[in-house]
N, C-alpha and C. Protein backbone atom coordinates (compact mmCIF):
# COMPACT_ATOMS: atom_id res chain seq x y z
N MET A 1 134.89 57.48 108.68
CA MET A 1 133.94 57.90 107.67
C MET A 1 132.98 58.96 108.20
N ASN A 2 132.51 58.82 109.44
CA ASN A 2 131.57 59.79 110.00
C ASN A 2 132.18 61.18 110.12
N ASN A 3 133.47 61.26 110.49
CA ASN A 3 134.12 62.56 110.61
C ASN A 3 134.18 63.27 109.26
N ILE A 4 134.45 62.53 108.21
CA ILE A 4 134.50 63.12 106.87
C ILE A 4 133.13 63.65 106.49
N MET A 5 132.09 62.90 106.76
CA MET A 5 130.73 63.33 106.43
C MET A 5 130.34 64.56 107.26
N LYS A 6 130.68 64.58 108.54
CA LYS A 6 130.34 65.72 109.40
C LYS A 6 130.99 67.00 108.88
N GLU A 7 132.24 66.91 108.49
CA GLU A 7 132.97 68.09 108.04
C GLU A 7 132.48 68.62 106.71
N SER A 8 131.80 67.81 105.92
CA SER A 8 131.35 68.28 104.61
C SER A 8 130.01 69.01 104.69
N PHE A 9 129.30 68.89 105.78
CA PHE A 9 128.02 69.56 105.94
C PHE A 9 128.21 70.94 106.57
N PRO A 10 127.41 71.91 106.16
CA PRO A 10 127.51 73.23 106.79
C PRO A 10 127.21 73.13 108.29
N ARG A 11 127.96 73.89 109.07
CA ARG A 11 127.79 73.84 110.53
C ARG A 11 127.05 75.07 111.06
N THR A 12 127.11 76.16 110.35
CA THR A 12 126.47 77.39 110.82
C THR A 12 125.61 77.96 109.69
N ALA A 13 124.79 78.93 110.05
CA ALA A 13 123.98 79.61 109.03
C ALA A 13 124.90 80.32 108.04
N MET A 14 126.04 80.84 108.50
CA MET A 14 127.00 81.49 107.60
C MET A 14 127.56 80.47 106.61
N ASP A 15 127.83 79.24 107.07
CA ASP A 15 128.30 78.19 106.17
C ASP A 15 127.26 77.91 105.08
N VAL A 16 125.99 77.85 105.47
CA VAL A 16 124.93 77.63 104.49
C VAL A 16 124.88 78.80 103.52
N PHE A 17 124.92 80.01 104.05
CA PHE A 17 124.90 81.22 103.22
C PHE A 17 126.03 81.17 102.18
N ASN A 18 127.23 80.85 102.64
CA ASN A 18 128.39 80.82 101.74
C ASN A 18 128.36 79.67 100.74
N SER A 19 127.53 78.65 100.98
CA SER A 19 127.45 77.52 100.07
C SER A 19 126.41 77.71 98.96
N LEU A 20 125.63 78.77 99.03
CA LEU A 20 124.58 78.99 98.03
C LEU A 20 125.19 79.43 96.70
N PRO A 21 124.50 79.17 95.60
CA PRO A 21 125.03 79.55 94.29
C PRO A 21 125.19 81.06 94.15
N GLU A 22 126.20 81.46 93.39
CA GLU A 22 126.46 82.87 93.13
C GLU A 22 125.20 83.55 92.57
N GLY A 23 124.91 84.75 93.09
CA GLY A 23 123.77 85.51 92.60
C GLY A 23 122.45 85.21 93.29
N THR A 24 122.45 84.27 94.24
CA THR A 24 121.23 83.95 94.97
C THR A 24 120.78 85.16 95.77
N ARG A 25 119.50 85.51 95.67
CA ARG A 25 118.96 86.64 96.42
C ARG A 25 118.63 86.19 97.83
N VAL A 26 119.63 86.27 98.69
CA VAL A 26 119.50 85.81 100.07
C VAL A 26 120.38 86.67 100.96
N GLN A 27 119.92 86.85 102.18
CA GLN A 27 120.70 87.58 103.16
C GLN A 27 120.68 86.80 104.47
N LEU A 28 121.73 86.97 105.25
CA LEU A 28 121.80 86.39 106.58
C LEU A 28 121.60 87.54 107.56
N ILE A 29 120.45 87.54 108.23
CA ILE A 29 120.10 88.64 109.12
C ILE A 29 119.93 88.07 110.53
N GLU A 30 120.83 88.45 111.41
CA GLU A 30 120.83 87.97 112.79
C GLU A 30 120.74 86.44 112.83
N ASN A 31 121.56 85.82 111.99
CA ASN A 31 121.74 84.37 111.92
C ASN A 31 120.52 83.63 111.34
N VAL A 32 119.65 84.35 110.63
CA VAL A 32 118.50 83.76 109.96
C VAL A 32 118.65 84.01 108.47
N ILE A 33 118.54 82.96 107.67
CA ILE A 33 118.65 83.10 106.23
C ILE A 33 117.31 83.58 105.69
N MET A 34 117.34 84.70 104.95
CA MET A 34 116.13 85.31 104.40
C MET A 34 116.26 85.32 102.88
N MET A 35 115.40 84.57 102.22
CA MET A 35 115.36 84.58 100.76
C MET A 35 114.30 85.59 100.34
N GLU A 36 114.51 86.20 99.17
CA GLU A 36 113.56 87.21 98.74
C GLU A 36 113.36 87.14 97.24
N PRO A 37 112.18 87.58 96.78
CA PRO A 37 111.93 87.59 95.34
C PRO A 37 112.68 88.74 94.67
N ALA A 38 112.67 88.75 93.36
CA ALA A 38 113.28 89.85 92.61
C ALA A 38 112.56 91.16 92.96
N PRO A 39 113.27 92.28 92.92
CA PRO A 39 112.66 93.57 93.24
C PRO A 39 111.61 93.98 92.20
N THR A 40 110.77 94.92 92.61
CA THR A 40 109.73 95.46 91.72
C THR A 40 110.34 96.43 90.71
N TYR A 41 109.55 96.77 89.71
CA TYR A 41 109.99 97.74 88.71
C TYR A 41 110.32 99.08 89.36
N SER A 42 109.44 99.60 90.23
CA SER A 42 109.70 100.90 90.84
C SER A 42 110.97 100.88 91.68
N HIS A 43 111.21 99.78 92.37
CA HIS A 43 112.44 99.61 93.14
C HIS A 43 113.65 99.74 92.22
N GLN A 44 113.65 98.99 91.11
CA GLN A 44 114.79 98.99 90.20
C GLN A 44 114.97 100.34 89.51
N HIS A 45 113.87 101.01 89.17
CA HIS A 45 113.96 102.31 88.52
C HIS A 45 114.62 103.34 89.45
N VAL A 46 114.16 103.40 90.69
CA VAL A 46 114.73 104.35 91.65
C VAL A 46 116.19 103.99 91.94
N LEU A 47 116.49 102.72 92.09
CA LEU A 47 117.87 102.29 92.32
C LEU A 47 118.77 102.75 91.18
N LEU A 48 118.33 102.57 89.96
CA LEU A 48 119.14 102.98 88.81
C LEU A 48 119.39 104.49 88.81
N GLU A 49 118.36 105.28 89.12
CA GLU A 49 118.52 106.74 89.16
C GLU A 49 119.58 107.15 90.20
N ILE A 50 119.48 106.58 91.38
CA ILE A 50 120.44 106.92 92.46
C ILE A 50 121.82 106.39 92.11
N LEU A 51 121.88 105.16 91.63
CA LEU A 51 123.16 104.53 91.29
C LEU A 51 123.93 105.34 90.25
N LEU A 52 123.27 105.70 89.16
CA LEU A 52 123.95 106.47 88.11
C LEU A 52 124.47 107.81 88.64
N SER A 53 123.63 108.50 89.36
CA SER A 53 124.00 109.81 89.89
C SER A 53 125.16 109.71 90.89
N MET A 54 125.02 108.82 91.86
CA MET A 54 126.04 108.71 92.90
C MET A 54 127.34 108.13 92.35
N ALA A 55 127.26 107.11 91.51
CA ALA A 55 128.47 106.51 90.97
C ALA A 55 129.25 107.50 90.11
N ASN A 56 128.55 108.26 89.28
CA ASN A 56 129.24 109.27 88.46
C ASN A 56 129.91 110.32 89.32
N PHE A 57 129.24 110.76 90.38
CA PHE A 57 129.82 111.75 91.28
C PHE A 57 131.07 111.19 91.97
N ILE A 58 130.95 110.01 92.52
CA ILE A 58 132.06 109.41 93.26
C ILE A 58 133.24 109.13 92.34
N ARG A 59 132.97 108.66 91.15
CA ARG A 59 134.05 108.42 90.19
C ARG A 59 134.74 109.72 89.82
N SER A 60 133.97 110.77 89.56
CA SER A 60 134.56 112.05 89.17
C SER A 60 135.39 112.68 90.29
N GLN A 61 135.02 112.41 91.52
CA GLN A 61 135.74 112.96 92.67
C GLN A 61 136.86 112.05 93.17
N GLY A 62 136.88 110.81 92.69
CA GLY A 62 137.90 109.86 93.16
C GLY A 62 137.73 109.47 94.61
N HIS A 63 136.47 109.47 95.09
CA HIS A 63 136.19 109.21 96.51
C HIS A 63 136.30 107.74 96.91
N GLY A 64 136.07 106.82 95.98
CA GLY A 64 136.06 105.42 96.35
C GLY A 64 135.29 104.60 95.34
N GLN A 65 134.47 103.67 95.82
CA GLN A 65 133.79 102.71 94.96
C GLN A 65 132.32 102.58 95.35
N VAL A 66 131.44 102.55 94.35
CA VAL A 66 130.03 102.26 94.54
C VAL A 66 129.77 100.85 94.03
N LEU A 67 129.05 100.06 94.81
CA LEU A 67 128.68 98.70 94.45
C LEU A 67 127.18 98.54 94.66
N PHE A 68 126.60 97.51 94.02
CA PHE A 68 125.16 97.32 94.14
C PHE A 68 124.82 95.84 94.17
N ALA A 69 123.61 95.53 94.63
CA ALA A 69 123.16 94.15 94.78
C ALA A 69 123.04 93.45 93.43
N PRO A 70 123.29 92.15 93.43
CA PRO A 70 123.70 91.35 94.58
C PRO A 70 125.22 91.41 94.80
N PHE A 71 125.62 91.89 95.94
CA PHE A 71 127.02 91.92 96.35
C PHE A 71 127.02 91.73 97.86
N ASP A 72 127.70 90.70 98.35
CA ASP A 72 127.64 90.35 99.76
C ASP A 72 128.47 91.31 100.61
N VAL A 73 127.88 91.71 101.74
CA VAL A 73 128.56 92.54 102.73
C VAL A 73 128.56 91.74 104.03
N TYR A 74 129.75 91.29 104.43
CA TYR A 74 129.91 90.50 105.64
C TYR A 74 130.19 91.44 106.81
N LEU A 75 129.20 91.57 107.70
CA LEU A 75 129.33 92.51 108.82
C LEU A 75 129.83 91.82 110.09
N ASP A 76 129.45 90.57 110.29
CA ASP A 76 129.94 89.75 111.39
C ASP A 76 129.54 88.31 111.09
N GLN A 77 129.70 87.41 112.04
CA GLN A 77 129.43 85.98 111.80
C GLN A 77 127.94 85.66 111.66
N GLU A 78 127.08 86.60 112.00
CA GLU A 78 125.64 86.34 111.92
C GLU A 78 124.92 87.24 110.93
N ASN A 79 125.67 88.09 110.22
CA ASN A 79 125.04 89.05 109.32
C ASN A 79 125.84 89.23 108.04
N ALA A 80 125.21 88.85 106.95
CA ALA A 80 125.77 89.06 105.61
C ALA A 80 124.62 89.58 104.75
N PHE A 81 124.70 90.85 104.39
CA PHE A 81 123.61 91.52 103.68
C PHE A 81 123.98 91.71 102.22
N GLN A 82 122.95 91.99 101.42
CA GLN A 82 123.12 92.41 100.04
C GLN A 82 122.39 93.74 99.89
N PRO A 83 123.00 94.83 100.37
CA PRO A 83 122.33 96.13 100.26
C PRO A 83 122.10 96.48 98.80
N ASP A 84 121.05 97.26 98.55
CA ASP A 84 120.78 97.66 97.17
C ASP A 84 121.95 98.43 96.59
N MET A 85 122.54 99.31 97.39
CA MET A 85 123.68 100.09 96.93
C MET A 85 124.55 100.43 98.13
N LEU A 86 125.86 100.49 97.91
CA LEU A 86 126.76 100.85 98.98
C LEU A 86 127.95 101.62 98.43
N PHE A 87 128.55 102.40 99.30
CA PHE A 87 129.73 103.18 98.97
C PHE A 87 130.84 102.81 99.95
N VAL A 88 132.04 102.59 99.41
CA VAL A 88 133.23 102.32 100.21
C VAL A 88 134.24 103.40 99.86
N SER A 89 134.69 104.13 100.88
CA SER A 89 135.65 105.21 100.65
C SER A 89 136.99 104.68 100.16
N ARG A 90 137.73 105.53 99.50
CA ARG A 90 139.05 105.17 98.95
C ARG A 90 139.95 104.57 100.04
N GLU A 91 139.89 105.11 101.25
CA GLU A 91 140.74 104.65 102.34
C GLU A 91 140.38 103.24 102.82
N ARG A 92 139.19 102.78 102.47
CA ARG A 92 138.72 101.49 102.98
C ARG A 92 138.52 100.46 101.87
N LEU A 93 139.03 100.74 100.68
CA LEU A 93 138.86 99.82 99.56
C LEU A 93 139.48 98.45 99.82
N HIS A 94 140.45 98.37 100.73
CA HIS A 94 141.08 97.10 101.05
C HIS A 94 140.10 96.09 101.65
N LEU A 95 138.93 96.55 102.11
CA LEU A 95 137.91 95.66 102.67
C LEU A 95 137.16 94.87 101.58
N ILE A 96 137.30 95.31 100.33
CA ILE A 96 136.62 94.64 99.23
C ILE A 96 137.46 93.44 98.79
N LYS A 97 136.84 92.28 98.87
CA LYS A 97 137.48 91.03 98.44
C LYS A 97 136.69 90.47 97.26
N GLN A 98 137.19 89.43 96.66
CA GLN A 98 136.53 88.83 95.51
C GLN A 98 135.11 88.37 95.85
N ASN A 99 134.90 87.88 97.07
CA ASN A 99 133.58 87.35 97.44
C ASN A 99 132.69 88.36 98.16
N GLY A 100 133.12 89.61 98.29
CA GLY A 100 132.27 90.62 98.92
C GLY A 100 133.07 91.61 99.75
N LEU A 101 132.35 92.44 100.46
CA LEU A 101 132.94 93.42 101.36
C LEU A 101 132.99 92.81 102.75
N HIS A 102 134.15 92.88 103.38
CA HIS A 102 134.32 92.33 104.72
C HIS A 102 134.52 93.49 105.69
N GLY A 103 133.40 94.00 106.19
CA GLY A 103 133.38 95.14 107.08
C GLY A 103 132.23 96.05 106.67
N ALA A 104 132.08 97.13 107.39
CA ALA A 104 130.96 98.04 107.15
C ALA A 104 131.25 98.99 106.00
N PRO A 105 130.28 99.14 105.10
CA PRO A 105 130.41 100.18 104.07
C PRO A 105 130.36 101.56 104.75
N ASP A 106 130.81 102.57 104.05
CA ASP A 106 130.70 103.93 104.57
C ASP A 106 129.26 104.43 104.47
N LEU A 107 128.59 104.05 103.38
CA LEU A 107 127.22 104.49 103.13
C LEU A 107 126.44 103.34 102.52
N VAL A 108 125.18 103.19 102.94
CA VAL A 108 124.29 102.15 102.43
C VAL A 108 122.98 102.80 102.01
N VAL A 109 122.45 102.36 100.86
CA VAL A 109 121.12 102.76 100.41
C VAL A 109 120.30 101.49 100.26
N GLU A 110 119.15 101.45 100.92
CA GLU A 110 118.19 100.36 100.78
C GLU A 110 116.91 100.94 100.18
N ILE A 111 116.47 100.36 99.08
CA ILE A 111 115.21 100.74 98.43
C ILE A 111 114.17 99.74 98.93
N LEU A 112 113.08 100.23 99.49
CA LEU A 112 112.08 99.34 100.07
C LEU A 112 111.34 98.55 99.01
N SER A 113 111.08 97.31 99.33
CA SER A 113 110.24 96.41 98.54
C SER A 113 109.24 95.80 99.51
N PRO A 114 108.10 95.33 99.00
CA PRO A 114 107.13 94.71 99.93
C PRO A 114 107.75 93.59 100.78
N SER A 115 108.66 92.82 100.21
CA SER A 115 109.23 91.69 100.95
C SER A 115 110.38 92.08 101.88
N THR A 116 110.93 93.29 101.75
CA THR A 116 112.11 93.65 102.55
C THR A 116 111.92 94.84 103.47
N SER A 117 110.84 95.59 103.32
CA SER A 117 110.72 96.86 104.05
C SER A 117 110.77 96.69 105.56
N GLY A 118 110.19 95.61 106.07
CA GLY A 118 110.21 95.41 107.51
C GLY A 118 111.60 95.30 108.08
N TYR A 119 112.43 94.43 107.51
CA TYR A 119 113.76 94.29 108.10
C TYR A 119 114.73 95.36 107.64
N ASP A 120 114.46 96.08 106.53
CA ASP A 120 115.30 97.23 106.17
C ASP A 120 115.17 98.33 107.22
N ARG A 121 113.96 98.49 107.77
CA ARG A 121 113.69 99.55 108.76
C ARG A 121 114.06 99.15 110.18
N THR A 122 114.18 97.87 110.46
CA THR A 122 114.40 97.44 111.84
C THR A 122 115.72 96.68 112.00
N GLU A 123 115.67 95.35 111.76
CA GLU A 123 116.86 94.53 112.03
C GLU A 123 118.09 95.02 111.29
N LYS A 124 117.96 95.26 110.00
CA LYS A 124 119.14 95.67 109.23
C LYS A 124 119.64 97.03 109.69
N LYS A 125 118.74 97.94 109.98
CA LYS A 125 119.14 99.27 110.47
C LYS A 125 119.96 99.13 111.75
N LEU A 126 119.51 98.29 112.68
CA LEU A 126 120.25 98.09 113.93
C LEU A 126 121.62 97.47 113.69
N VAL A 127 121.70 96.51 112.78
CA VAL A 127 123.00 95.88 112.48
C VAL A 127 123.92 96.89 111.80
N TYR A 128 123.40 97.67 110.86
CA TYR A 128 124.23 98.71 110.22
C TYR A 128 124.75 99.68 111.27
N GLU A 129 123.91 100.06 112.19
CA GLU A 129 124.31 101.00 113.24
C GLU A 129 125.44 100.43 114.10
N ARG A 130 125.25 99.22 114.61
CA ARG A 130 126.28 98.65 115.50
C ARG A 130 127.54 98.25 114.75
N SER A 131 127.43 98.06 113.42
CA SER A 131 128.59 97.69 112.61
C SER A 131 129.43 98.90 112.19
N GLY A 132 128.88 100.11 112.36
CA GLY A 132 129.66 101.30 112.06
C GLY A 132 129.43 101.90 110.68
N VAL A 133 128.28 101.63 110.04
CA VAL A 133 127.96 102.29 108.78
C VAL A 133 127.76 103.77 109.09
N ASN A 134 128.49 104.64 108.40
CA ASN A 134 128.44 106.08 108.70
C ASN A 134 127.15 106.76 108.27
N GLU A 135 126.56 106.29 107.16
CA GLU A 135 125.33 106.91 106.67
C GLU A 135 124.45 105.82 106.06
N TYR A 136 123.17 105.84 106.43
CA TYR A 136 122.22 104.83 105.98
C TYR A 136 120.98 105.54 105.43
N TRP A 137 120.58 105.15 104.22
CA TRP A 137 119.41 105.74 103.58
C TRP A 137 118.38 104.68 103.29
N ILE A 138 117.13 104.96 103.63
CA ILE A 138 115.99 104.11 103.31
C ILE A 138 115.10 104.90 102.36
N ILE A 139 114.85 104.33 101.19
CA ILE A 139 114.07 105.01 100.15
C ILE A 139 112.79 104.22 99.90
N ASP A 140 111.66 104.92 99.92
CA ASP A 140 110.38 104.31 99.54
C ASP A 140 110.11 104.70 98.09
N PRO A 141 110.21 103.76 97.15
CA PRO A 141 110.06 104.12 95.74
C PRO A 141 108.64 104.56 95.37
N ASP A 142 107.65 104.15 96.14
CA ASP A 142 106.27 104.51 95.83
C ASP A 142 105.92 105.94 96.24
N THR A 143 106.44 106.38 97.39
CA THR A 143 106.13 107.74 97.87
C THR A 143 107.27 108.72 97.62
N GLN A 144 108.43 108.21 97.18
CA GLN A 144 109.64 109.01 96.97
C GLN A 144 110.25 109.51 98.29
N ALA A 145 109.77 108.99 99.43
CA ALA A 145 110.31 109.39 100.73
C ALA A 145 111.73 108.88 100.88
N ALA A 146 112.61 109.75 101.36
CA ALA A 146 114.01 109.40 101.62
C ALA A 146 114.31 109.73 103.08
N GLN A 147 114.64 108.71 103.85
CA GLN A 147 115.00 108.92 105.24
C GLN A 147 116.44 108.50 105.44
N GLY A 148 117.26 109.45 105.86
CA GLY A 148 118.67 109.18 106.09
C GLY A 148 119.02 109.19 107.55
N PHE A 149 120.11 108.51 107.86
CA PHE A 149 120.62 108.43 109.23
C PHE A 149 122.13 108.58 109.19
N GLN A 150 122.65 109.31 110.16
CA GLN A 150 124.10 109.50 110.28
C GLN A 150 124.53 108.92 111.61
N LEU A 151 125.65 108.18 111.59
CA LEU A 151 126.18 107.60 112.82
C LEU A 151 126.89 108.68 113.63
N VAL A 152 126.40 108.91 114.84
CA VAL A 152 126.99 109.89 115.75
C VAL A 152 127.18 109.22 117.10
N ASN A 153 128.43 109.13 117.54
CA ASN A 153 128.75 108.46 118.81
C ASN A 153 128.14 107.07 118.90
N GLY A 154 128.23 106.32 117.80
CA GLY A 154 127.79 104.94 117.78
C GLY A 154 126.29 104.72 117.62
N MET A 155 125.53 105.81 117.42
CA MET A 155 124.08 105.68 117.25
C MET A 155 123.62 106.49 116.05
N PHE A 156 122.60 105.95 115.34
CA PHE A 156 122.05 106.66 114.19
C PHE A 156 121.19 107.84 114.66
N GLU A 157 121.44 108.97 114.04
CA GLU A 157 120.58 110.15 114.20
C GLU A 157 119.94 110.43 112.86
N ALA A 158 118.63 110.66 112.87
CA ALA A 158 117.87 110.84 111.64
C ALA A 158 118.11 112.22 111.04
N PHE A 159 118.22 112.26 109.71
CA PHE A 159 118.22 113.52 108.97
C PHE A 159 116.77 113.97 108.83
N PRO A 160 116.55 115.24 108.52
CA PRO A 160 115.18 115.64 108.19
C PRO A 160 114.70 114.83 106.98
N PRO A 161 113.45 114.37 107.02
CA PRO A 161 112.94 113.59 105.89
C PRO A 161 112.96 114.42 104.61
N ALA A 162 113.12 113.75 103.49
CA ALA A 162 113.15 114.43 102.19
C ALA A 162 112.29 113.63 101.22
N ARG A 163 112.01 114.21 100.08
CA ARG A 163 111.23 113.53 99.05
C ARG A 163 111.95 113.68 97.72
N GLY A 164 112.30 112.54 97.12
CA GLY A 164 112.92 112.53 95.81
C GLY A 164 114.37 112.96 95.78
N ILE A 165 115.01 113.01 96.95
CA ILE A 165 116.41 113.44 96.98
C ILE A 165 117.13 112.85 98.20
N ILE A 166 118.37 112.45 97.99
CA ILE A 166 119.26 112.06 99.07
C ILE A 166 120.22 113.22 99.29
N ARG A 167 120.24 113.74 100.49
CA ARG A 167 121.19 114.80 100.86
C ARG A 167 122.25 114.18 101.77
N SER A 168 123.33 113.73 101.15
CA SER A 168 124.36 113.01 101.88
C SER A 168 125.32 113.99 102.55
N ARG A 169 125.39 113.90 103.85
CA ARG A 169 126.37 114.70 104.59
C ARG A 169 127.76 114.10 104.43
N LEU A 170 127.82 112.79 104.35
CA LEU A 170 129.11 112.12 104.19
C LEU A 170 129.79 112.53 102.88
N LEU A 171 129.04 112.52 101.80
CA LEU A 171 129.59 112.86 100.48
C LEU A 171 129.49 114.34 100.16
N LYS A 172 128.77 115.08 101.00
CA LYS A 172 128.58 116.52 100.78
C LYS A 172 128.00 116.78 99.38
N ALA A 173 126.93 116.02 99.08
CA ALA A 173 126.31 116.12 97.75
C ALA A 173 124.85 115.69 97.85
N GLU A 174 124.10 116.07 96.83
CA GLU A 174 122.69 115.69 96.72
C GLU A 174 122.51 114.82 95.47
N PHE A 175 121.62 113.83 95.60
CA PHE A 175 121.34 112.91 94.51
C PHE A 175 119.83 112.79 94.35
N ALA A 176 119.32 113.33 93.26
CA ALA A 176 117.88 113.33 92.99
C ALA A 176 117.47 112.02 92.35
N PHE A 177 116.24 111.62 92.61
CA PHE A 177 115.67 110.42 91.99
C PHE A 177 114.16 110.61 91.89
N SER A 178 113.58 109.87 90.98
CA SER A 178 112.12 109.84 90.87
C SER A 178 111.73 108.55 90.19
N GLU A 179 110.49 108.19 90.35
CA GLU A 179 110.00 106.94 89.75
C GLU A 179 109.40 107.22 88.40
């Protein structure tokens, strides 16, 4: 009886993460479960502007797939994120499974919120870098600041800062947004 009971309980933080109800706003960051409130209006407005622009461009070019939160991205056994927006190239669409993306997206966009800005700029950035995300964008919806990073030889190199625009080197396109 004890063995049956032991096996039914989650054993790892990833097990707990995977047992949560669909749509739960939670991320597993360096083996720590982080719950977060719903995003702010400015966050959602900027996300929608970028999402519509980028998704329409990618669809028209046949480059791949754009997805948005909540959608789980499994990077390793200790990290499962729900990036605000992500792009997966056509060549890597096989990484998309019913329960999420299993591997690094080609491009990630994180829109800062009061509850997430700290780990979007630090822990998550480091995990995205070591996981092989080719391009990472951090957007501040209040100031319109857009800071991008490109993976070069396994390390993120910063793009020149911009305001109200994402200049993606990966997609060779620009995506304007405003609040």
